[in-house]
């Protein structure tokens, strides 16, 4: 008998991230992944929908500003002033 071929695993860059029932596309940035996680945290903490929307809009504005001014949008590159 011939050996059955084992299915190959997708490469890390092609793999999706799975977190409790949701799937994050592999091309999602670290900032987007953290924003989704923060939103889940805020909802679980019972924050009002308007508060969550306000926080996330502020974050989106910051990321857009950083990208427009040539700054990194990678959360790991952030430091305190």
Protein backbone atom coordinates (compact mmCIF):
# COMPACT_ATOMS: atom_id res chain seq x y z
CA UNK A 1 0.00 0.00 0.00
CA UNK A 2 1.12 3.51 -0.79
CA UNK A 3 1.46 6.03 1.96
CA UNK A 4 -1.35 8.57 2.06
CA UNK A 5 -0.14 12.06 1.44
CA UNK A 6 -0.55 14.39 4.36
CA UNK A 7 -2.32 17.67 3.56
CA UNK A 8 0.02 20.62 3.57
CA UNK A 9 -0.49 23.44 6.03
CA UNK A 10 -0.95 26.94 4.66
CA UNK A 11 1.99 29.26 5.04
CA UNK A 12 1.79 31.70 7.98
CA UNK A 13 1.17 34.65 5.64
CA UNK A 14 -1.75 32.87 3.99
CA UNK A 15 -3.27 31.63 7.24
CA UNK A 16 -6.28 33.37 8.77
CA UNK A 17 -6.34 34.14 12.46
CA UNK A 18 -9.26 32.57 14.30
CA UNK A 19 -10.51 34.04 17.55
CA UNK A 20 -13.64 32.68 19.23
CA UNK A 21 -15.79 32.20 16.17
CA UNK A 22 -14.46 35.02 14.03
CA UNK A 23 -11.92 34.83 11.26
CA UNK A 24 -9.48 37.66 10.60
CA UNK A 25 -8.29 37.88 7.00
CA UNK A 26 -4.53 37.37 6.65
CA UNK A 27 -4.03 40.83 5.11
CA UNK A 28 -5.50 42.64 8.13
CA UNK A 29 -3.02 44.99 9.78
CA UNK A 30 -2.00 44.69 13.41
CA UNK A 31 -3.78 47.99 14.14
CA UNK A 32 -7.03 46.65 12.66
CA UNK A 33 -6.76 43.42 14.64
CA UNK A 34 -6.16 45.33 17.87
CA UNK A 35 -9.03 47.71 17.12
CA UNK A 36 -11.40 44.74 16.71
CA UNK A 37 -10.12 43.21 19.92
CA UNK A 38 -10.53 46.53 21.76
CA UNK A 39 -14.07 46.87 20.40
CA UNK A 40 -14.95 43.39 21.72
CA UNK A 41 -13.44 44.33 25.09
CA UNK A 42 -15.44 47.58 25.24
CA UNK A 43 -18.67 45.74 24.38
CA UNK A 44 -17.97 43.06 27.00
CA UNK A 45 -17.29 45.81 29.55
CA UNK A 46 -20.75 47.22 28.86
CA UNK A 47 -19.68 50.51 27.25
CA UNK A 48 -22.43 52.32 25.37
CA UNK A 49 -22.52 51.98 21.58
CA UNK A 50 -21.91 55.73 21.18
CA UNK A 51 -18.85 55.57 23.43
CA UNK A 52 -17.45 52.66 21.43
CA UNK A 53 -18.12 54.46 18.15
CA UNK A 54 -16.41 57.58 19.48
CA UNK A 55 -13.33 55.68 20.67
CA UNK A 56 -13.00 53.77 17.39
CA UNK A 57 -13.50 56.93 15.29
CA UNK A 58 -10.69 58.60 17.25
CA UNK A 59 -8.47 55.60 16.62
CA UNK A 60 -9.30 55.62 12.88
CA UNK A 61 -8.49 59.35 12.73
CA UNK A 62 -5.15 58.75 14.43
CA UNK A 63 -4.23 55.90 12.07
CA UNK A 64 -5.20 58.01 9.03
CA UNK A 65 -3.13 60.94 10.34
CA UNK A 66 -0.14 58.69 11.02
CA UNK A 67 -0.32 57.19 7.53
CA UNK A 68 -0.76 60.60 5.88
CA UNK A 69 2.27 62.03 7.68
CA UNK A 70 4.55 59.07 6.98
CA UNK A 71 4.49 57.70 10.50
CA UNK A 72 4.16 54.03 11.26
CA UNK A 73 0.69 52.66 11.98
CA UNK A 74 2.14 49.52 13.57
CA UNK A 75 1.16 49.54 17.27
CA UNK A 76 4.54 48.02 18.17
CA UNK A 77 6.26 51.17 16.90
CA UNK A 78 4.39 53.45 19.32
CA UNK A 79 6.25 54.96 22.25
CA UNK A 80 5.36 57.49 24.91
CA UNK A 81 6.63 61.00 24.35
